[in-house]
Amino acid sequence: VRIEAPKEPIKIEANIKIQHEIVVRV
């Protein structure tokens, strides 16, 4: 069993839309 670190960095992309404030105003 081998545990190795990845050669490339881990990328986390998060496309998050926050619309709560707009909905509350309406």
mmCIF file of all heavy atoms, coordinates in Angstrom:
data_MODEL
# 
_entry.id   MODEL 
# 
loop_
_atom_site.group_PDB 
_atom_site.id 
_atom_site.type_symbol 
_atom_site.label_atom_id 
_atom_site.label_alt_id 
_atom_site.label_comp_id 
_atom_site.label_asym_id 
_atom_site.label_entity_id 
_atom_site.label_seq_id 
_atom_site.pdbx_PDB_ins_code 
_atom_site.Cartn_x 
_atom_site.Cartn_y 
_atom_site.Cartn_z 
_atom_site.occupancy 
_atom_site.B_iso_or_equiv 
_atom_site.pdbx_formal_charge 
_atom_site.auth_seq_id 
_atom_site.auth_comp_id 
_atom_site.auth_asym_id 
_atom_site.auth_atom_id 
_atom_site.pdbx_PDB_model_num 
ATOM 1   N N   . VAL A 1 1  ? 0.868   -1.176 0.000   1.00 0.00 ? 1  VAL A N   1 
ATOM 2   C CA  . VAL A 1 1  ? 0.000   0.000  0.000   1.00 0.00 ? 1  VAL A CA  1 
ATOM 3   C C   . VAL A 1 1  ? 0.901   1.221  0.000   1.00 0.00 ? 1  VAL A C   1 
ATOM 4   O O   . VAL A 1 1  ? 1.767   1.361  0.866   1.00 0.00 ? 1  VAL A O   1 
ATOM 5   C CB  . VAL A 1 1  ? -0.927  0.014  1.247   1.00 0.00 ? 1  VAL A CB  1 
ATOM 6   C CG1 . VAL A 1 1  ? -1.763  1.270  1.273   1.00 0.00 ? 1  VAL A CG1 1 
ATOM 7   C CG2 . VAL A 1 1  ? -1.794  -1.228 1.273   1.00 0.00 ? 1  VAL A CG2 1 
ATOM 8   N N   . ARG A 1 2  ? 0.702   2.084  -0.966  1.00 0.00 ? 2  ARG A N   1 
ATOM 9   C CA  . ARG A 1 2  ? 1.527   3.291  -1.060  1.00 0.00 ? 2  ARG A CA  1 
ATOM 10  C C   . ARG A 1 2  ? 0.657   4.521  -0.908  1.00 0.00 ? 2  ARG A C   1 
ATOM 11  O O   . ARG A 1 2  ? -0.396  4.636  -1.533  1.00 0.00 ? 2  ARG A O   1 
ATOM 12  C CB  . ARG A 1 2  ? 2.233   3.355  -2.407  1.00 0.00 ? 2  ARG A CB  1 
ATOM 13  C CG  . ARG A 1 2  ? 3.225   2.254  -2.612  1.00 0.00 ? 2  ARG A CG  1 
ATOM 14  C CD  . ARG A 1 2  ? 3.912   2.404  -3.934  1.00 0.00 ? 2  ARG A CD  1 
ATOM 15  N NE  . ARG A 1 2  ? 4.803   1.268  -4.162  1.00 0.00 ? 2  ARG A NE  1 
ATOM 16  C CZ  . ARG A 1 2  ? 5.441   1.070  -5.271  1.00 0.00 ? 2  ARG A CZ  1 
ATOM 17  N NH1 . ARG A 1 2  ? 5.303   1.911  -6.270  1.00 0.00 ? 2  ARG A NH1 1 
ATOM 18  N NH2 . ARG A 1 2  ? 6.238   0.023  -5.396  1.00 0.00 ? 2  ARG A NH2 1 
ATOM 19  N N   . ILE A 1 3  ? 1.114   5.429  -0.092  1.00 0.00 ? 3  ILE A N   1 
ATOM 20  C CA  . ILE A 1 3  ? 0.435   6.709  0.072   1.00 0.00 ? 3  ILE A CA  1 
ATOM 21  C C   . ILE A 1 3  ? 1.383   7.776  -0.452  1.00 0.00 ? 3  ILE A C   1 
ATOM 22  O O   . ILE A 1 3  ? 2.463   7.970  0.093   1.00 0.00 ? 3  ILE A O   1 
ATOM 23  C CB  . ILE A 1 3  ? 0.085   6.967  1.553   1.00 0.00 ? 3  ILE A CB  1 
ATOM 24  C CG1 . ILE A 1 3  ? -0.842  5.870  2.055   1.00 0.00 ? 3  ILE A CG1 1 
ATOM 25  C CG2 . ILE A 1 3  ? -0.550  8.329  1.714   1.00 0.00 ? 3  ILE A CG2 1 
ATOM 26  C CD1 . ILE A 1 3  ? -1.150  5.941  3.519   1.00 0.00 ? 3  ILE A CD1 1 
ATOM 27  N N   . GLU A 1 4  ? 0.963   8.427  -1.522  1.00 0.00 ? 4  GLU A N   1 
ATOM 28  C CA  . GLU A 1 4  ? 1.813   9.440  -2.133  1.00 0.00 ? 4  GLU A CA  1 
ATOM 29  C C   . GLU A 1 4  ? 1.053   10.742 -2.265  1.00 0.00 ? 4  GLU A C   1 
ATOM 30  O O   . GLU A 1 4  ? -0.154  10.753 -2.505  1.00 0.00 ? 4  GLU A O   1 
ATOM 31  C CB  . GLU A 1 4  ? 2.256   8.981  -3.524  1.00 0.00 ? 4  GLU A CB  1 
ATOM 32  C CG  . GLU A 1 4  ? 3.099   7.729  -3.528  1.00 0.00 ? 4  GLU A CG  1 
ATOM 33  C CD  . GLU A 1 4  ? 3.480   7.293  -4.933  1.00 0.00 ? 4  GLU A CD  1 
ATOM 34  O OE1 . GLU A 1 4  ? 3.092   7.985  -5.900  1.00 0.00 ? 4  GLU A OE1 1 
ATOM 35  O OE2 . GLU A 1 4  ? 4.164   6.263  -5.055  1.00 0.00 ? 4  GLU A OE2 1 
ATOM 36  N N   . ALA A 1 5  ? 1.760   11.831 -2.123  1.00 0.00 ? 5  ALA A N   1 
ATOM 37  C CA  . ALA A 1 5  ? 1.162   13.143 -2.333  1.00 0.00 ? 5  ALA A CA  1 
ATOM 38  C C   . ALA A 1 5  ? 1.010   13.377 -3.831  1.00 0.00 ? 5  ALA A C   1 
ATOM 39  O O   . ALA A 1 5  ? 1.819   12.908 -4.630  1.00 0.00 ? 5  ALA A O   1 
ATOM 40  C CB  . ALA A 1 5  ? 2.045   14.230 -1.724  1.00 0.00 ? 5  ALA A CB  1 
ATOM 41  N N   . PRO A 1 6  ? -0.049  14.081 -4.248  1.00 0.00 ? 6  PRO A N   1 
ATOM 42  C CA  . PRO A 1 6  ? -0.206  14.349 -5.677  1.00 0.00 ? 6  PRO A CA  1 
ATOM 43  C C   . PRO A 1 6  ? 0.903   15.263 -6.190  1.00 0.00 ? 6  PRO A C   1 
ATOM 44  O O   . PRO A 1 6  ? 1.434   16.096 -5.455  1.00 0.00 ? 6  PRO A O   1 
ATOM 45  C CB  . PRO A 1 6  ? -1.573  15.025 -5.764  1.00 0.00 ? 6  PRO A CB  1 
ATOM 46  C CG  . PRO A 1 6  ? -1.843  15.552 -4.401  1.00 0.00 ? 6  PRO A CG  1 
ATOM 47  C CD  . PRO A 1 6  ? -1.133  14.644 -3.455  1.00 0.00 ? 6  PRO A CD  1 
ATOM 48  N N   . LYS A 1 7  ? 1.233   15.093 -7.459  1.00 0.00 ? 7  LYS A N   1 
ATOM 49  C CA  . LYS A 1 7  ? 2.302   15.901 -8.048  1.00 0.00 ? 7  LYS A CA  1 
ATOM 50  C C   . LYS A 1 7  ? 1.838   17.325 -8.309  1.00 0.00 ? 7  LYS A C   1 
ATOM 51  O O   . LYS A 1 7  ? 2.621   18.257 -8.244  1.00 0.00 ? 7  LYS A O   1 
ATOM 52  C CB  . LYS A 1 7  ? 2.789   15.248 -9.341  1.00 0.00 ? 7  LYS A CB  1 
ATOM 53  C CG  . LYS A 1 7  ? 3.462   13.926 -9.092  1.00 0.00 ? 7  LYS A CG  1 
ATOM 54  C CD  . LYS A 1 7  ? 3.930   13.283 -10.366 1.00 0.00 ? 7  LYS A CD  1 
ATOM 55  C CE  . LYS A 1 7  ? 4.584   11.930 -10.053 1.00 0.00 ? 7  LYS A CE  1 
ATOM 56  N NZ  . LYS A 1 7  ? 5.037   11.243 -11.239 1.00 0.00 ? 7  LYS A NZ  1 
ATOM 57  N N   . GLU A 1 8  ? 0.554   17.492 -8.616  1.00 0.00 ? 8  GLU A N   1 
ATOM 58  C CA  . GLU A 1 8  ? 0.006   18.825 -8.858  1.00 0.00 ? 8  GLU A CA  1 
ATOM 59  C C   . GLU A 1 8  ? -0.839  19.244 -7.660  1.00 0.00 ? 8  GLU A C   1 
ATOM 60  O O   . GLU A 1 8  ? -1.430  18.397 -6.994  1.00 0.00 ? 8  GLU A O   1 
ATOM 61  C CB  . GLU A 1 8  ? -0.864  18.808 -10.111 1.00 0.00 ? 8  GLU A CB  1 
ATOM 62  C CG  . GLU A 1 8  ? -0.111  18.487 -11.377 1.00 0.00 ? 8  GLU A CG  1 
ATOM 63  C CD  . GLU A 1 8  ? -1.007  18.469 -12.593 1.00 0.00 ? 8  GLU A CD  1 
ATOM 64  O OE1 . GLU A 1 8  ? -2.183  18.831 -12.479 1.00 0.00 ? 8  GLU A OE1 1 
ATOM 65  O OE2 . GLU A 1 8  ? -0.527  18.067 -13.664 1.00 0.00 ? 8  GLU A OE2 1 
ATOM 66  N N   . PRO A 1 9  ? -0.913  20.541 -7.388  1.00 0.00 ? 9  PRO A N   1 
ATOM 67  C CA  . PRO A 1 9  ? -1.740  20.980 -6.258  1.00 0.00 ? 9  PRO A CA  1 
ATOM 68  C C   . PRO A 1 9  ? -3.221  20.716 -6.530  1.00 0.00 ? 9  PRO A C   1 
ATOM 69  O O   . PRO A 1 9  ? -3.676  20.695 -7.667  1.00 0.00 ? 9  PRO A O   1 
ATOM 70  C CB  . PRO A 1 9  ? -1.457  22.481 -6.160  1.00 0.00 ? 9  PRO A CB  1 
ATOM 71  C CG  . PRO A 1 9  ? -0.914  22.862 -7.484  1.00 0.00 ? 9  PRO A CG  1 
ATOM 72  C CD  . PRO A 1 9  ? -0.242  21.645 -8.045  1.00 0.00 ? 9  PRO A CD  1 
ATOM 73  N N   . ILE A 1 10 ? -3.955  20.511 -5.467  1.00 0.00 ? 10 ILE A N   1 
ATOM 74  C CA  . ILE A 1 10 ? -5.386  20.261 -5.572  1.00 0.00 ? 10 ILE A CA  1 
ATOM 75  C C   . ILE A 1 10 ? -6.088  21.600 -5.783  1.00 0.00 ? 10 ILE A C   1 
ATOM 76  O O   . ILE A 1 10 ? -5.866  22.551 -5.036  1.00 0.00 ? 10 ILE A O   1 
ATOM 77  C CB  . ILE A 1 10 ? -5.913  19.582 -4.298  1.00 0.00 ? 10 ILE A CB  1 
ATOM 78  C CG1 . ILE A 1 10 ? -5.226  18.230 -4.128  1.00 0.00 ? 10 ILE A CG1 1 
ATOM 79  C CG2 . ILE A 1 10 ? -7.415  19.415 -4.351  1.00 0.00 ? 10 ILE A CG2 1 
ATOM 80  C CD1 . ILE A 1 10 ? -5.530  17.562 -2.805  1.00 0.00 ? 10 ILE A CD1 1 
ATOM 81  N N   . LYS A 1 11 ? -6.943  21.673 -6.809  1.00 0.00 ? 11 LYS A N   1 
ATOM 82  C CA  . LYS A 1 11 ? -7.672  22.901 -7.110  1.00 0.00 ? 11 LYS A CA  1 
ATOM 83  C C   . LYS A 1 11 ? -9.135  22.698 -6.772  1.00 0.00 ? 11 LYS A C   1 
ATOM 84  O O   . LYS A 1 11 ? -9.739  21.699 -7.161  1.00 0.00 ? 11 LYS A O   1 
ATOM 85  C CB  . LYS A 1 11 ? -7.550  23.265 -8.582  1.00 0.00 ? 11 LYS A CB  1 
ATOM 86  C CG  . LYS A 1 11 ? -6.152  23.614 -9.016  1.00 0.00 ? 11 LYS A CG  1 
ATOM 87  C CD  . LYS A 1 11 ? -6.104  23.962 -10.496 1.00 0.00 ? 11 LYS A CD  1 
ATOM 88  C CE  . LYS A 1 11 ? -4.692  24.273 -10.943 1.00 0.00 ? 11 LYS A CE  1 
ATOM 89  N NZ  . LYS A 1 11 ? -4.645  24.561 -12.379 1.00 0.00 ? 11 LYS A NZ  1 
ATOM 90  N N   . ILE A 1 12 ? -9.689  23.644 -6.050  1.00 0.00 ? 12 ILE A N   1 
ATOM 91  C CA  . ILE A 1 12 ? -11.106 23.611 -5.719  1.00 0.00 ? 12 ILE A CA  1 
ATOM 92  C C   . ILE A 1 12 ? -11.734 24.872 -6.296  1.00 0.00 ? 12 ILE A C   1 
ATOM 93  O O   . ILE A 1 12 ? -11.386 25.981 -5.886  1.00 0.00 ? 12 ILE A O   1 
ATOM 94  C CB  . ILE A 1 12 ? -11.332 23.545 -4.197  1.00 0.00 ? 12 ILE A CB  1 
ATOM 95  C CG1 . ILE A 1 12 ? -10.686 22.281 -3.635  1.00 0.00 ? 12 ILE A CG1 1 
ATOM 96  C CG2 . ILE A 1 12 ? -12.820 23.593 -3.886  1.00 0.00 ? 12 ILE A CG2 1 
ATOM 97  C CD1 . ILE A 1 12 ? -10.728 22.192 -2.136  1.00 0.00 ? 12 ILE A CD1 1 
ATOM 98  N N   . GLU A 1 13 ? -12.620 24.680 -7.244  1.00 0.00 ? 13 GLU A N   1 
ATOM 99  C CA  . GLU A 1 13 ? -13.299 25.810 -7.850  1.00 0.00 ? 13 GLU A CA  1 
ATOM 100 C C   . GLU A 1 13 ? -14.748 25.799 -7.385  1.00 0.00 ? 13 GLU A C   1 
ATOM 101 O O   . GLU A 1 13 ? -15.435 24.797 -7.523  1.00 0.00 ? 13 GLU A O   1 
ATOM 102 C CB  . GLU A 1 13 ? -13.234 25.723 -9.370  1.00 0.00 ? 13 GLU A CB  1 
ATOM 103 C CG  . GLU A 1 13 ? -11.823 25.842 -9.912  1.00 0.00 ? 13 GLU A CG  1 
ATOM 104 C CD  . GLU A 1 13 ? -11.782 25.795 -11.415 1.00 0.00 ? 13 GLU A CD  1 
ATOM 105 O OE1 . GLU A 1 13 ? -12.828 26.055 -12.055 1.00 0.00 ? 13 GLU A OE1 1 
ATOM 106 O OE2 . GLU A 1 13 ? -10.716 25.500 -11.955 1.00 0.00 ? 13 GLU A OE2 1 
ATOM 107 N N   . ALA A 1 14 ? -15.180 26.918 -6.856  1.00 0.00 ? 14 ALA A N   1 
ATOM 108 C CA  . ALA A 1 14 ? -16.553 26.990 -6.363  1.00 0.00 ? 14 ALA A CA  1 
ATOM 109 C C   . ALA A 1 14 ? -17.239 28.200 -7.001  1.00 0.00 ? 14 ALA A C   1 
ATOM 110 O O   . ALA A 1 14 ? -16.836 29.335 -6.784  1.00 0.00 ? 14 ALA A O   1 
ATOM 111 C CB  . ALA A 1 14 ? -16.567 27.107 -4.849  1.00 0.00 ? 14 ALA A CB  1 
ATOM 112 N N   . ASN A 1 15 ? -18.222 27.921 -7.811  1.00 0.00 ? 15 ASN A N   1 
ATOM 113 C CA  . ASN A 1 15 ? -19.029 28.992 -8.381  1.00 0.00 ? 15 ASN A CA  1 
ATOM 114 C C   . ASN A 1 15 ? -20.307 29.074 -7.560  1.00 0.00 ? 15 ASN A C   1 
ATOM 115 O O   . ASN A 1 15 ? -21.210 28.272 -7.712  1.00 0.00 ? 15 ASN A O   1 
ATOM 116 C CB  . ASN A 1 15 ? -19.360 28.690 -9.851  1.00 0.00 ? 15 ASN A CB  1 
ATOM 117 C CG  . ASN A 1 15 ? -18.109 28.687 -10.704 1.00 0.00 ? 15 ASN A CG  1 
ATOM 118 O OD1 . ASN A 1 15 ? -17.184 29.432 -10.432 1.00 0.00 ? 15 ASN A OD1 1 
ATOM 119 N ND2 . ASN A 1 15 ? -18.076 27.851 -11.709 1.00 0.00 ? 15 ASN A ND2 1 
ATOM 120 N N   . ILE A 1 16 ? -20.351 30.046 -6.689  1.00 0.00 ? 16 ILE A N   1 
ATOM 121 C CA  . ILE A 1 16 ? -21.469 30.179 -5.765  1.00 0.00 ? 16 ILE A CA  1 
ATOM 122 C C   . ILE A 1 16 ? -22.163 31.508 -6.021  1.00 0.00 ? 16 ILE A C   1 
ATOM 123 O O   . ILE A 1 16 ? -21.526 32.559 -6.078  1.00 0.00 ? 16 ILE A O   1 
ATOM 124 C CB  . ILE A 1 16 ? -20.974 30.130 -4.308  1.00 0.00 ? 16 ILE A CB  1 
ATOM 125 C CG1 . ILE A 1 16 ? -20.260 28.805 -4.041  1.00 0.00 ? 16 ILE A CG1 1 
ATOM 126 C CG2 . ILE A 1 16 ? -22.130 30.314 -3.349  1.00 0.00 ? 16 ILE A CG2 1 
ATOM 127 C CD1 . ILE A 1 16 ? -19.600 28.737 -2.696  1.00 0.00 ? 16 ILE A CD1 1 
ATOM 128 N N   . LYS A 1 17 ? -23.465 31.438 -6.192  1.00 0.00 ? 17 LYS A N   1 
ATOM 129 C CA  . LYS A 1 17 ? -24.251 32.657 -6.356  1.00 0.00 ? 17 LYS A CA  1 
ATOM 130 C C   . LYS A 1 17 ? -25.029 32.896 -5.066  1.00 0.00 ? 17 LYS A C   1 
ATOM 131 O O   . LYS A 1 17 ? -25.742 32.023 -4.599  1.00 0.00 ? 17 LYS A O   1 
ATOM 132 C CB  . LYS A 1 17 ? -25.233 32.522 -7.520  1.00 0.00 ? 17 LYS A CB  1 
ATOM 133 C CG  . LYS A 1 17 ? -24.573 32.423 -8.869  1.00 0.00 ? 17 LYS A CG  1 
ATOM 134 C CD  . LYS A 1 17 ? -25.603 32.333 -9.958  1.00 0.00 ? 17 LYS A CD  1 
ATOM 135 C CE  . LYS A 1 17 ? -24.945 32.202 -11.320 1.00 0.00 ? 17 LYS A CE  1 
ATOM 136 N NZ  . LYS A 1 17 ? -25.945 32.098 -12.385 1.00 0.00 ? 17 LYS A NZ  1 
ATOM 137 N N   . ILE A 1 18 ? -24.886 34.064 -4.529  1.00 0.00 ? 18 ILE A N   1 
ATOM 138 C CA  . ILE A 1 18 ? -25.607 34.407 -3.307  1.00 0.00 ? 18 ILE A CA  1 
ATOM 139 C C   . ILE A 1 18 ? -26.709 35.385 -3.694  1.00 0.00 ? 18 ILE A C   1 
ATOM 140 O O   . ILE A 1 18 ? -26.440 36.508 -4.101  1.00 0.00 ? 18 ILE A O   1 
ATOM 141 C CB  . ILE A 1 18 ? -24.670 35.025 -2.258  1.00 0.00 ? 18 ILE A CB  1 
ATOM 142 C CG1 . ILE A 1 18 ? -23.571 34.026 -1.904  1.00 0.00 ? 18 ILE A CG1 1 
ATOM 143 C CG2 . ILE A 1 18 ? -25.451 35.430 -1.024  1.00 0.00 ? 18 ILE A CG2 1 
ATOM 144 C CD1 . ILE A 1 18 ? -22.514 34.565 -0.974  1.00 0.00 ? 18 ILE A CD1 1 
ATOM 145 N N   . GLN A 1 19 ? -27.941 34.922 -3.590  1.00 0.00 ? 19 GLN A N   1 
ATOM 146 C CA  . GLN A 1 19 ? -29.076 35.748 -3.971  1.00 0.00 ? 19 GLN A CA  1 
ATOM 147 C C   . GLN A 1 19 ? -30.023 35.971 -2.801  1.00 0.00 ? 19 GLN A C   1 
ATOM 148 O O   . GLN A 1 19 ? -31.093 36.514 -2.966  1.00 0.00 ? 19 GLN A O   1 
ATOM 149 C CB  . GLN A 1 19 ? -29.842 35.081 -5.115  1.00 0.00 ? 19 GLN A CB  1 
ATOM 150 C CG  . GLN A 1 19 ? -29.014 34.928 -6.364  1.00 0.00 ? 19 GLN A CG  1 
ATOM 151 C CD  . GLN A 1 19 ? -29.761 34.194 -7.462  1.00 0.00 ? 19 GLN A CD  1 
ATOM 152 O OE1 . GLN A 1 19 ? -30.817 33.645 -7.230  1.00 0.00 ? 19 GLN A OE1 1 
ATOM 153 N NE2 . GLN A 1 19 ? -29.204 34.193 -8.645  1.00 0.00 ? 19 GLN A NE2 1 
ATOM 154 N N   . HIS A 1 20 ? -29.639 35.552 -1.647  1.00 0.00 ? 20 HIS A N   1 
ATOM 155 C CA  . HIS A 1 20 ? -30.522 35.629 -0.491  1.00 0.00 ? 20 HIS A CA  1 
ATOM 156 C C   . HIS A 1 20 ? -30.913 37.077 -0.173  1.00 0.00 ? 20 HIS A C   1 
ATOM 157 O O   . HIS A 1 20 ? -32.072 37.367 0.082   1.00 0.00 ? 20 HIS A O   1 
ATOM 158 C CB  . HIS A 1 20 ? -29.845 34.986 0.718   1.00 0.00 ? 20 HIS A CB  1 
ATOM 159 C CG  . HIS A 1 20 ? -30.687 35.024 1.946   1.00 0.00 ? 20 HIS A CG  1 
ATOM 160 N ND1 . HIS A 1 20 ? -31.802 34.248 2.075   1.00 0.00 ? 20 HIS A ND1 1 
ATOM 161 C CD2 . HIS A 1 20 ? -30.584 35.749 3.068   1.00 0.00 ? 20 HIS A CD2 1 
ATOM 162 C CE1 . HIS A 1 20 ? -32.354 34.489 3.240   1.00 0.00 ? 20 HIS A CE1 1 
ATOM 163 N NE2 . HIS A 1 20 ? -31.622 35.400 3.868   1.00 0.00 ? 20 HIS A NE2 1 
ATOM 164 N N   . GLU A 1 21 ? -29.973 37.981 -0.228  1.00 0.00 ? 21 GLU A N   1 
ATOM 165 C CA  . GLU A 1 21 ? -30.252 39.370 0.113   1.00 0.00 ? 21 GLU A CA  1 
ATOM 166 C C   . GLU A 1 21 ? -31.251 39.984 -0.864  1.00 0.00 ? 21 GLU A C   1 
ATOM 167 O O   . GLU A 1 21 ? -32.156 40.699 -0.460  1.00 0.00 ? 21 GLU A O   1 
ATOM 168 C CB  . GLU A 1 21 ? -28.945 40.172 0.112   1.00 0.00 ? 21 GLU A CB  1 
ATOM 169 C CG  . GLU A 1 21 ? -29.128 41.604 0.562   1.00 0.00 ? 21 GLU A CG  1 
ATOM 170 C CD  . GLU A 1 21 ? -27.807 42.340 0.607   1.00 0.00 ? 21 GLU A CD  1 
ATOM 171 O OE1 . GLU A 1 21 ? -26.749 41.676 0.583   1.00 0.00 ? 21 GLU A OE1 1 
ATOM 172 O OE2 . GLU A 1 21 ? -27.837 43.574 0.646   1.00 0.00 ? 21 GLU A OE2 1 
ATOM 173 N N   . ILE A 1 22 ? -31.115 39.702 -2.115  1.00 0.00 ? 22 ILE A N   1 
ATOM 174 C CA  . ILE A 1 22 ? -32.020 40.235 -3.129  1.00 0.00 ? 22 ILE A CA  1 
ATOM 175 C C   . ILE A 1 22 ? -33.434 39.694 -2.918  1.00 0.00 ? 22 ILE A C   1 
ATOM 176 O O   . ILE A 1 22 ? -34.401 40.432 -2.967  1.00 0.00 ? 22 ILE A O   1 
ATOM 177 C CB  . ILE A 1 22 ? -31.514 39.884 -4.544  1.00 0.00 ? 22 ILE A CB  1 
ATOM 178 C CG1 . ILE A 1 22 ? -30.170 40.581 -4.786  1.00 0.00 ? 22 ILE A CG1 1 
ATOM 179 C CG2 . ILE A 1 22 ? -32.522 40.285 -5.599  1.00 0.00 ? 22 ILE A CG2 1 
ATOM 180 C CD1 . ILE A 1 22 ? -29.457 40.121 -6.028  1.00 0.00 ? 22 ILE A CD1 1 
ATOM 181 N N   . VAL A 1 23 ? -33.560 38.420 -2.633  1.00 0.00 ? 23 VAL A N   1 
ATOM 182 C CA  . VAL A 1 23 ? -34.862 37.802 -2.409  1.00 0.00 ? 23 VAL A CA  1 
ATOM 183 C C   . VAL A 1 23 ? -35.529 38.399 -1.186  1.00 0.00 ? 23 VAL A C   1 
ATOM 184 O O   . VAL A 1 23 ? -36.722 38.692 -1.196  1.00 0.00 ? 23 VAL A O   1 
ATOM 185 C CB  . VAL A 1 23 ? -34.719 36.271 -2.278  1.00 0.00 ? 23 VAL A CB  1 
ATOM 186 C CG1 . VAL A 1 23 ? -36.032 35.638 -1.871  1.00 0.00 ? 23 VAL A CG1 1 
ATOM 187 C CG2 . VAL A 1 23 ? -34.228 35.677 -3.578  1.00 0.00 ? 23 VAL A CG2 1 
ATOM 188 N N   . VAL A 1 24 ? -34.780 38.646 -0.148  1.00 0.00 ? 24 VAL A N   1 
ATOM 189 C CA  . VAL A 1 24 ? -35.340 39.224 1.079   1.00 0.00 ? 24 VAL A CA  1 
ATOM 190 C C   . VAL A 1 24 ? -35.846 40.632 0.804   1.00 0.00 ? 24 VAL A C   1 
ATOM 191 O O   . VAL A 1 24 ? -36.920 41.006 1.261   1.00 0.00 ? 24 VAL A O   1 
ATOM 192 C CB  . VAL A 1 24 ? -34.290 39.223 2.211   1.00 0.00 ? 24 VAL A CB  1 
ATOM 193 C CG1 . VAL A 1 24 ? -34.777 40.008 3.410   1.00 0.00 ? 24 VAL A CG1 1 
ATOM 194 C CG2 . VAL A 1 24 ? -33.965 37.790 2.612   1.00 0.00 ? 24 VAL A CG2 1 
ATOM 195 N N   . ARG A 1 25 ? -35.144 41.408 0.033   1.00 0.00 ? 25 ARG A N   1 
ATOM 196 C CA  . ARG A 1 25 ? -35.581 42.765 -0.274  1.00 0.00 ? 25 ARG A CA  1 
ATOM 197 C C   . ARG A 1 25 ? -36.885 42.746 -1.077  1.00 0.00 ? 25 ARG A C   1 
ATOM 198 O O   . ARG A 1 25 ? -37.778 43.521 -0.822  1.00 0.00 ? 25 ARG A O   1 
ATOM 199 C CB  . ARG A 1 25 ? -34.510 43.509 -1.061  1.00 0.00 ? 25 ARG A CB  1 
ATOM 200 C CG  . ARG A 1 25 ? -33.335 43.913 -0.233  1.00 0.00 ? 25 ARG A CG  1 
ATOM 201 C CD  . ARG A 1 25 ? -32.351 44.708 -1.058  1.00 0.00 ? 25 ARG A CD  1 
ATOM 202 N NE  . ARG A 1 25 ? -31.157 45.003 -0.299  1.00 0.00 ? 25 ARG A NE  1 
ATOM 203 C CZ  . ARG A 1 25 ? -30.061 45.489 -0.823  1.00 0.00 ? 25 ARG A CZ  1 
ATOM 204 N NH1 . ARG A 1 25 ? -29.998 45.725 -2.124  1.00 0.00 ? 25 ARG A NH1 1 
ATOM 205 N NH2 . ARG A 1 25 ? -29.022 45.733 -0.072  1.00 0.00 ? 25 ARG A NH2 1 
ATOM 206 N N   . VAL A 1 26 ? -36.994 41.874 -2.046  1.00 0.00 ? 26 VAL A N   1 
ATOM 207 C CA  . VAL A 1 26 ? -38.207 41.776 -2.852  1.00 0.00 ? 26 VAL A CA  1 
ATOM 208 C C   . VAL A 1 26 ? -39.378 41.352 -1.973  1.00 0.00 ? 26 VAL A C   1 
ATOM 209 O O   . VAL A 1 26 ? -40.474 41.905 -2.082  1.00 0.00 ? 26 VAL A O   1 
ATOM 210 C CB  . VAL A 1 26 ? -37.999 40.785 -4.020  1.00 0.00 ? 26 VAL A CB  1 
ATOM 211 C CG1 . VAL A 1 26 ? -39.312 40.496 -4.731  1.00 0.00 ? 26 VAL A CG1 1 
ATOM 212 C CG2 . VAL A 1 26 ? -36.979 41.343 -4.999  1.00 0.00 ? 26 VAL A CG2 1 
# 
